[in-house]
Amino acid sequence: MRIGIVCYPTFGGSGVVATELGMALAKKGYEIHFITYKPPVRLDLISSGIHFHQVQIQEYSLFQYQPYELALSSRMVEVVEKYKLEVLHVHYAIPHAYAAYMAKQMLAQKGIEVRVVTTLHGTDITLVGSHPNYKTAVEFSINNSDVVTSVSNSLREDTYRLFDIKREIEVVYNFIEIEQYENHPLGVHDCQRGNIANNDEFILTHISNYRPVKRASDVVIVFAKVLEHKPAKLVLVGEGPEMVDVKRKAKELGVFDKIVFLGNSTEVATILCYSDVFLLPSQSESFGLAALEAMAAKTPVISSNTGGLPEVNIHGVTGFLSNVGDVDDMALNTLKLIENKETLEKYKQNALDRASTFSIDAVLPKYEAIYKGVLVS
């Protein structure tokens, strides 16, 4: 089967999931074609069965904003026609689902049929997609996809609540390649923690794109409260618009020198290998891929109880859930985890066991069935 994958090529969850899915499909013998404006950050371009097609934008002074949707849909048409793709799997509704619909119509004029599978990831529905400037087009694109999936039950219900959807949405959870952590060169059991912290310090970690929805300043507040009781270091991974406020808050609370800023990194498994607790106090999470990656590295999660997070992080088992913004409760829950070695080890093992249920080996067959089903429908 020949499949086109359209995604954002960034460190965000939708791009990571799309990339990992494409590479896993290629390993099983599918011919995979990525179509986007630059190679996805986690894409192994030299893998067998992987092809990349760049979307080029022609600069023209007439346009205040260059029309990426037009360039994307045109590139989709070219790739489908040249390589005889059977399915376009588009991740994140804006603008990919709309561009795929346009490509499908242009191809139909040439007597070429391609099926469109749209996967909804979160803010493309709950934040951006539901905005009045985009809602009508997003709603139309969803209703005119051949198959629509969402990454959690919470996101599925949000989509039905926010849009007038006429079709079924199938839940296919995000996944993890658990072997990346189990077979990591450092191993999830033998990390050199001294690279990050002293022997008596616990390591708390947060990974995100530092948009306002991530509430990253809450991470710093929680960390400061934990420091009042236990020696610790905070590792912050990623970059984004809220990082300036994060650093300001850290200086204000007097904890700046206890924070390690690592910026964007593709060494997530290594960083999580060092970690004792993962902090994710988001305003909204459709699934919480960062939490799942942490759990795969035997790192329990302190998170908000919003969106799809309760479907991943089980309260009192793999970590703890708190109301959005309740930094006092999050700090108390963090201290519960690190108050003794036996408690922390129990939660670490629970986290790994839970993450294993989201293995790519369990999720990949669901996408395969969707592709095969849409081609005979």
Protein backbone atom coordinates (compact mmCIF):
# COMPACT_ATOMS: atom_id res chain seq x y z
CA MET A 1 0.00 0.00 0.00
CA ARG A 2 1.20 3.52 -0.83
CA ILE A 3 0.35 6.11 1.82
CA GLY A 4 0.93 9.86 1.98
CA ILE A 5 1.38 11.41 5.43
CA VAL A 6 0.84 15.13 5.92
CA CYS A 7 1.84 16.73 9.23
CA TYR A 8 3.62 19.60 10.88
CA PRO A 9 7.35 18.76 10.91
CA THR A 10 7.92 20.18 14.39
CA PHE A 11 8.51 18.94 17.94
CA GLY A 12 4.76 19.05 18.65
CA GLY A 13 2.85 15.89 19.46
CA SER A 14 0.94 15.60 16.18
CA GLY A 15 4.13 15.74 14.13
CA VAL A 16 5.89 13.23 16.37
CA VAL A 17 2.99 10.76 16.18
CA ALA A 18 2.69 11.12 12.41
CA THR A 19 6.42 10.60 11.95
CA GLU A 20 6.64 7.56 14.21
CA LEU A 21 3.56 6.08 12.54
CA GLY A 22 5.05 6.53 9.08
CA MET A 23 8.36 4.96 10.04
CA ALA A 24 6.61 2.00 11.70
CA LEU A 25 4.48 1.45 8.59
CA ALA A 26 7.58 1.57 6.39
CA LYS A 27 9.20 -1.14 8.51
CA LYS A 28 6.20 -3.34 7.72
CA GLY A 29 6.70 -2.86 3.99
CA TYR A 30 4.36 0.03 3.20
CA GLU A 31 5.53 2.79 0.87
CA ILE A 32 5.34 6.01 2.87
CA HIS A 33 5.49 9.54 1.44
CA PHE A 34 5.78 12.52 3.81
CA ILE A 35 4.46 15.78 2.35
CA THR A 36 5.31 18.92 4.32
CA TYR A 37 7.46 22.07 4.20
CA LYS A 38 10.57 20.52 5.77
CA PRO A 39 11.63 17.07 6.99
CA PRO A 40 9.94 16.15 10.31
CA VAL A 41 12.37 16.40 13.21
CA ARG A 42 12.24 12.69 14.07
CA LEU A 43 12.14 11.36 10.51
CA ASP A 44 14.85 8.92 9.45
CA LEU A 45 15.12 9.81 5.77
CA ILE A 46 17.46 6.95 4.93
CA SER A 47 15.03 4.27 6.11
CA SER A 48 13.74 1.90 3.45
CA GLY A 49 10.28 2.81 2.19
CA ILE A 50 10.43 6.45 3.38
CA HIS A 51 10.11 9.32 0.89
CA PHE A 52 9.96 13.06 1.57
CA HIS A 53 8.34 15.67 -0.69
CA GLN A 54 8.87 19.31 0.23
CA VAL A 55 6.11 21.87 -0.15
CA GLN A 56 7.62 24.98 -1.71
CA ILE A 57 6.11 28.42 -1.13
CA GLN A 58 6.53 31.01 -3.87
CA GLU A 59 7.03 34.43 -2.31
CA TYR A 60 4.92 37.13 -3.93
CA SER A 61 4.56 40.67 -2.61
CA LEU A 62 0.82 40.78 -3.32
CA PHE A 63 0.18 38.32 -0.49
CA GLN A 64 0.43 39.58 3.07
CA TYR A 65 0.44 35.90 4.07
CA GLN A 66 1.73 33.30 1.62
CA PRO A 67 -1.01 30.76 0.66
CA TYR A 68 0.43 27.55 2.14
CA GLU A 69 -2.86 25.65 1.71
CA LEU A 70 -2.74 26.14 -2.08
CA ALA A 71 0.87 25.02 -2.31
CA LEU A 72 0.18 22.02 -0.07
CA SER A 73 -2.88 20.81 -1.97
CA SER A 74 -1.04 21.24 -5.29
CA ARG A 75 1.91 19.24 -3.96
CA MET A 76 -0.45 16.52 -2.74
CA VAL A 77 -1.90 16.25 -6.24
CA GLU A 78 1.57 15.95 -7.78
CA VAL A 79 2.73 13.27 -5.35
CA VAL A 80 -0.47 11.22 -5.49
CA GLU A 81 -0.44 11.29 -9.27
CA LYS A 82 3.26 10.52 -9.71
CA TYR A 83 3.58 7.80 -7.06
CA LYS A 84 0.02 6.42 -7.30
CA LEU A 85 -0.75 6.95 -3.62
CA GLU A 86 -3.91 5.26 -2.40
CA VAL A 87 -4.40 7.02 0.94
CA LEU A 88 -3.61 10.49 2.30
CA HIS A 89 -3.38 10.44 6.09
CA VAL A 90 -3.47 14.03 7.32
CA HIS A 91 -2.60 14.92 10.91
CA TYR A 92 -3.98 18.07 12.53
CA ALA A 93 -7.10 19.50 10.90
CA ILE A 94 -5.69 22.94 10.08
CA PRO A 95 -4.89 23.30 7.24
CA HIS A 96 -4.16 19.71 6.27
CA ALA A 97 -7.68 18.27 6.14
CA TYR A 98 -8.93 21.19 4.06
CA ALA A 99 -5.95 20.97 1.68
CA ALA A 100 -6.51 17.22 1.33
CA TYR A 101 -10.15 17.77 0.39
CA MET A 102 -9.10 20.21 -2.32
CA ALA A 103 -6.45 17.79 -3.58
CA LYS A 104 -9.00 14.99 -3.71
CA GLN A 105 -11.34 17.11 -5.81
CA MET A 106 -8.58 18.10 -8.23
CA LEU A 107 -7.52 14.48 -8.59
CA ALA A 108 -11.11 13.40 -9.22
CA GLN A 109 -11.18 15.74 -12.23
CA LYS A 110 -8.33 13.63 -13.61
CA GLY A 111 -10.11 10.36 -12.90
CA ILE A 112 -7.79 9.57 -9.94
CA GLU A 113 -9.25 8.45 -6.63
CA VAL A 114 -7.48 8.87 -3.31
CA ARG A 115 -8.91 8.30 0.16
CA VAL A 116 -8.44 10.82 2.98
CA VAL A 117 -7.97 9.81 6.62
CA THR A 118 -7.96 12.75 9.04
CA THR A 119 -6.56 12.45 12.56
CA LEU A 120 -7.54 15.13 15.05
CA HIS A 121 -4.91 15.88 17.66
CA GLY A 122 -6.18 18.56 20.02
CA THR A 123 -5.74 22.29 19.64
CA ASP A 124 -6.70 21.94 15.98
CA ILE A 125 -10.17 21.35 17.44
CA THR A 126 -10.36 22.86 20.91
CA LEU A 127 -8.36 26.05 20.42
CA VAL A 128 -7.62 27.01 16.82
CA GLY A 129 -10.19 25.02 14.87
CA SER A 130 -13.17 26.20 16.90
CA HIS A 131 -12.30 29.87 16.33
CA PRO A 132 -14.99 31.57 14.18
CA ASN A 133 -12.38 32.39 11.51
CA TYR A 134 -11.72 28.67 10.91
CA LYS A 135 -14.69 26.74 12.28
CA THR A 136 -16.71 26.48 9.07
CA ALA A 137 -13.78 25.19 7.01
CA VAL A 138 -12.66 22.73 9.71
CA GLU A 139 -16.19 21.40 10.12
CA PHE A 140 -16.52 20.96 6.35
CA SER A 141 -13.15 19.19 6.12
CA ILE A 142 -13.99 16.74 8.89
CA ASN A 143 -17.38 15.90 7.43
CA ASN A 144 -15.86 15.32 4.00
CA SER A 145 -12.96 13.10 5.07
CA ASP A 146 -13.36 9.41 4.30
CA VAL A 147 -12.37 8.42 7.85
CA VAL A 148 -11.83 10.59 10.92
CA THR A 149 -9.94 9.54 14.05
CA SER A 150 -9.15 11.30 17.30
CA VAL A 151 -6.39 10.56 19.79
CA SER A 152 -8.65 10.29 22.84
CA ASN A 153 -12.27 9.90 23.90
CA SER A 154 -12.11 13.38 25.40
CA LEU A 155 -11.11 14.94 22.08
CA ARG A 156 -13.81 12.96 20.27
CA GLU A 157 -16.47 14.37 22.60
CA ASP A 158 -15.04 17.89 22.29
CA THR A 159 -15.26 17.64 18.51
CA TYR A 160 -18.92 16.63 18.63
CA ARG A 161 -19.60 19.43 21.12
CA LEU A 162 -17.85 22.18 19.19
CA PHE A 163 -18.81 21.24 15.62
CA ASP A 164 -21.81 19.95 13.72
CA ILE A 165 -20.30 16.60 12.80
CA LYS A 166 -22.33 14.24 10.62
CA ARG A 167 -20.04 11.24 10.75
CA GLU A 168 -18.49 8.76 13.16
CA ILE A 169 -15.14 9.59 14.76
CA GLU A 170 -13.03 6.59 15.75
CA VAL A 171 -10.71 6.84 18.75
CA VAL A 172 -7.18 5.59 18.08
CA TYR A 173 -4.87 6.44 20.95
CA ASN A 174 -1.40 7.84 20.50
CA PHE A 175 1.33 5.28 20.97
CA ILE A 176 4.87 4.75 22.15
CA GLU A 177 7.74 2.68 20.83
CA ILE A 178 8.46 1.15 24.19
CA GLU A 179 11.60 -0.53 22.83
CA GLN A 180 13.23 2.89 22.40
CA TYR A 181 13.27 3.14 26.18
CA GLU A 182 13.83 -0.49 27.14
CA ASN A 183 16.72 -0.81 24.68
CA HIS A 184 18.11 2.69 25.23
CA PRO A 185 21.95 2.72 25.42
CA LEU A 186 21.77 4.15 28.93
CA GLY A 187 18.96 1.80 29.91
CA VAL A 188 15.99 2.87 32.00
CA HIS A 189 17.63 1.24 35.02
CA ASP A 190 21.23 2.52 34.71
CA CYS A 191 21.27 6.27 34.12
CA GLN A 192 24.21 8.46 35.07
CA ARG A 193 22.23 10.94 37.16
CA GLY A 194 25.37 12.79 38.14
CA ASN A 195 25.29 14.48 34.73
CA ILE A 196 22.27 16.46 35.93
CA ALA A 197 22.11 16.53 39.72
CA ASN A 198 23.87 15.62 42.95
CA ASN A 199 23.19 12.24 44.52
CA ASP A 200 20.80 13.69 47.10
CA GLU A 201 18.77 15.73 44.57
CA PHE A 202 15.59 14.56 42.90
CA ILE A 203 15.13 15.41 39.22
CA LEU A 204 11.83 16.91 38.04
CA THR A 205 11.28 17.35 34.30
CA HIS A 206 8.96 19.22 31.97
CA ILE A 207 8.93 18.97 28.17
CA SER A 208 6.72 21.15 25.97
CA ASN A 209 6.54 23.85 23.32
CA TYR A 210 5.94 26.50 26.01
CA ARG A 211 2.71 27.83 24.64
CA PRO A 212 0.29 29.42 27.16
CA VAL A 213 -1.86 26.26 27.21
CA LYS A 214 1.06 24.36 28.81
CA ARG A 215 1.08 26.63 31.90
CA ALA A 216 4.85 26.20 32.17
CA SER A 217 5.15 28.86 34.86
CA ASP A 218 3.13 26.53 37.10
CA VAL A 219 5.95 24.01 36.69
CA VAL A 220 8.38 26.49 38.23
CA ILE A 221 5.99 27.28 41.10
CA VAL A 222 5.51 23.58 41.87
CA PHE A 223 9.27 23.08 41.77
CA ALA A 224 9.85 25.97 44.17
CA LYS A 225 7.36 24.48 46.63
CA VAL A 226 9.02 21.07 46.41
CA LEU A 227 12.43 22.67 47.05
CA GLU A 228 11.17 23.91 50.40
CA HIS A 229 11.11 20.28 51.55
CA LYS A 230 13.45 18.24 49.32
CA PRO A 231 16.66 18.97 47.39
CA ALA A 232 15.91 18.85 43.67
CA LYS A 233 16.76 20.02 40.17
CA LEU A 234 14.29 20.96 37.43
CA VAL A 235 15.06 20.05 33.81
CA LEU A 236 13.17 22.07 31.19
CA VAL A 237 13.20 20.79 27.62
CA GLY A 238 11.87 22.72 24.61
CA GLU A 239 11.46 26.28 23.46
CA GLY A 240 8.48 28.53 22.96
CA PRO A 241 6.85 31.92 23.58
CA GLU A 242 6.32 31.41 27.32
CA MET A 243 9.98 30.63 28.09
CA VAL A 244 10.68 34.29 28.87
CA ASP A 245 7.96 34.25 31.54
CA VAL A 246 9.24 30.92 32.86
CA LYS A 247 12.72 32.34 33.40
CA ARG A 248 11.29 35.48 34.95
CA LYS A 249 9.22 33.41 37.39
CA ALA A 250 12.26 31.26 38.25
CA LYS A 251 14.32 34.36 39.11
CA GLU A 252 11.43 35.84 41.08
CA LEU A 253 11.15 32.67 43.19
CA GLY A 254 14.92 32.36 43.60
CA VAL A 255 15.18 28.93 41.91
CA PHE A 256 16.79 29.88 38.61
CA ASP A 257 20.15 28.34 39.49
CA LYS A 258 18.42 25.02 40.24
CA ILE A 259 16.98 24.73 36.73
CA VAL A 260 18.69 23.12 33.73
CA PHE A 261 17.49 24.62 30.43
CA LEU A 262 18.13 22.17 27.57
CA GLY A 263 16.16 23.75 24.70
CA ASN A 264 14.76 21.59 21.93
CA SER A 265 16.16 18.09 21.89
CA THR A 266 15.72 14.81 20.07
CA GLU A 267 17.28 12.98 23.06
CA VAL A 268 14.01 12.72 24.96
CA ALA A 269 14.61 9.11 26.06
CA THR A 270 17.97 10.03 27.57
CA ILE A 271 16.58 13.05 29.41
CA LEU A 272 13.61 11.13 30.80
CA CYS A 273 15.95 8.35 31.85
CA TYR A 274 17.43 10.77 34.39
CA SER A 275 14.05 11.93 35.71
CA ASP A 276 12.21 11.06 38.91
CA VAL A 277 8.96 12.94 38.27
CA PHE A 278 7.42 14.49 35.16
CA LEU A 279 5.33 17.67 35.55
CA LEU A 280 2.52 18.47 33.09
CA PRO A 281 0.14 21.12 34.52
CA SER A 282 -1.50 21.96 31.17
CA GLN A 283 -4.68 23.95 30.74
CA SER A 284 -5.70 21.40 28.10
CA GLU A 285 -4.25 18.18 26.67
CA SER A 286 -6.13 16.10 24.12
CA PHE A 287 -3.99 13.08 25.01
CA GLY A 288 -0.69 13.94 26.67
CA LEU A 289 2.00 12.33 24.53
CA ALA A 290 4.73 13.89 26.68
CA ALA A 291 3.23 12.14 29.71
CA LEU A 292 3.19 8.81 27.89
CA GLU A 293 6.83 9.20 26.86
CA ALA A 294 7.74 9.94 30.46
CA MET A 295 5.87 6.86 31.69
CA ALA A 296 7.66 4.70 29.12
CA ALA A 297 10.91 5.83 30.76
CA LYS A 298 9.61 4.77 34.20
CA THR A 299 8.83 8.35 35.22
CA PRO A 300 5.57 8.92 37.14
CA VAL A 301 3.51 11.93 36.13
CA ILE A 302 2.07 14.86 38.06
CA SER A 303 -0.51 16.40 35.75
CA SER A 304 -3.73 18.34 35.54
CA ASN A 305 -6.93 16.34 35.18
CA THR A 306 -7.96 17.91 31.91
CA GLY A 307 -8.82 16.48 28.49
CA GLY A 308 -7.36 13.08 27.71
CA LEU A 309 -4.79 13.07 30.52
CA PRO A 310 -6.95 10.92 32.85
CA GLU A 311 -7.08 8.34 30.03
CA VAL A 312 -3.27 8.08 30.20
CA ASN A 313 -2.15 9.01 33.72
CA ILE A 314 -4.05 6.97 36.30
CA HIS A 315 -4.50 8.85 39.58
CA GLY A 316 -2.82 7.10 42.47
CA VAL A 317 -1.26 4.48 40.19
CA THR A 318 1.04 6.05 37.59
CA GLY A 319 1.10 9.46 39.22
CA PHE A 320 -1.44 12.01 40.37
CA LEU A 321 -4.03 14.32 38.83
CA SER A 322 -4.87 17.81 40.11
CA ASN A 323 -7.25 20.55 39.06
CA VAL A 324 -5.81 23.01 36.54
CA GLY A 325 -3.82 25.67 38.37
CA ASP A 326 -3.79 23.88 41.74
CA VAL A 327 -0.03 24.15 42.23
CA ASP A 328 -0.28 23.42 45.95
CA ASP A 329 -1.86 20.02 45.29
CA MET A 330 0.65 19.28 42.54
CA ALA A 331 3.54 20.05 44.89
CA LEU A 332 2.04 17.86 47.64
CA ASN A 333 1.56 15.01 45.17
CA THR A 334 5.15 15.36 43.98
CA LEU A 335 6.35 15.09 47.55
CA LYS A 336 4.20 11.96 48.02
CA LEU A 337 6.12 10.35 45.18
CA ILE A 338 9.59 11.22 46.39
CA GLU A 339 9.10 10.89 50.15
CA ASN A 340 10.64 7.42 50.12
CA LYS A 341 12.44 5.19 47.66
CA GLU A 342 9.92 2.35 47.80
CA THR A 343 6.99 4.61 46.91
CA LEU A 344 8.84 6.16 44.00
CA GLU A 345 9.95 2.78 42.63
CA LYS A 346 6.39 1.44 42.81
CA TYR A 347 5.05 4.37 40.81
CA LYS A 348 7.91 4.13 38.32
CA GLN A 349 7.08 0.48 37.61
CA ASN A 350 3.35 1.26 37.40
CA ALA A 351 4.11 4.01 34.89
CA LEU A 352 6.08 1.65 32.67
CA ASP A 353 3.40 -1.03 32.88
CA ARG A 354 0.73 1.48 31.88
CA ALA A 355 2.83 2.87 29.02
CA SER A 356 3.26 -0.64 27.65
CA THR A 357 -0.48 -0.81 26.95
CA PHE A 358 0.02 2.04 24.45
CA SER A 359 2.71 0.16 22.54
CA ILE A 360 2.88 0.82 18.82
CA ASP A 361 2.43 -2.92 18.34
CA ALA A 362 -1.09 -2.56 19.77
CA VAL A 363 -2.01 0.64 17.92
CA LEU A 364 -0.47 0.11 14.48
CA PRO A 365 -2.91 -2.67 13.46
CA LYS A 366 -5.81 -0.27 14.07
CA TYR A 367 -4.45 2.17 11.50
CA GLU A 368 -3.72 -0.67 9.08
CA ALA A 369 -7.33 -1.80 9.39
CA ILE A 370 -8.54 1.75 8.73
CA TYR A 371 -6.44 2.05 5.57
CA LYS A 372 -7.59 -1.31 4.25
CA GLY A 373 -11.19 -0.60 5.15
CA VAL A 374 -11.31 2.79 3.46
CA LEU A 375 -9.98 1.32 0.21
CA VAL A 376 -12.86 -1.16 -0.06
CA SER A 377 -15.61 1.16 1.11
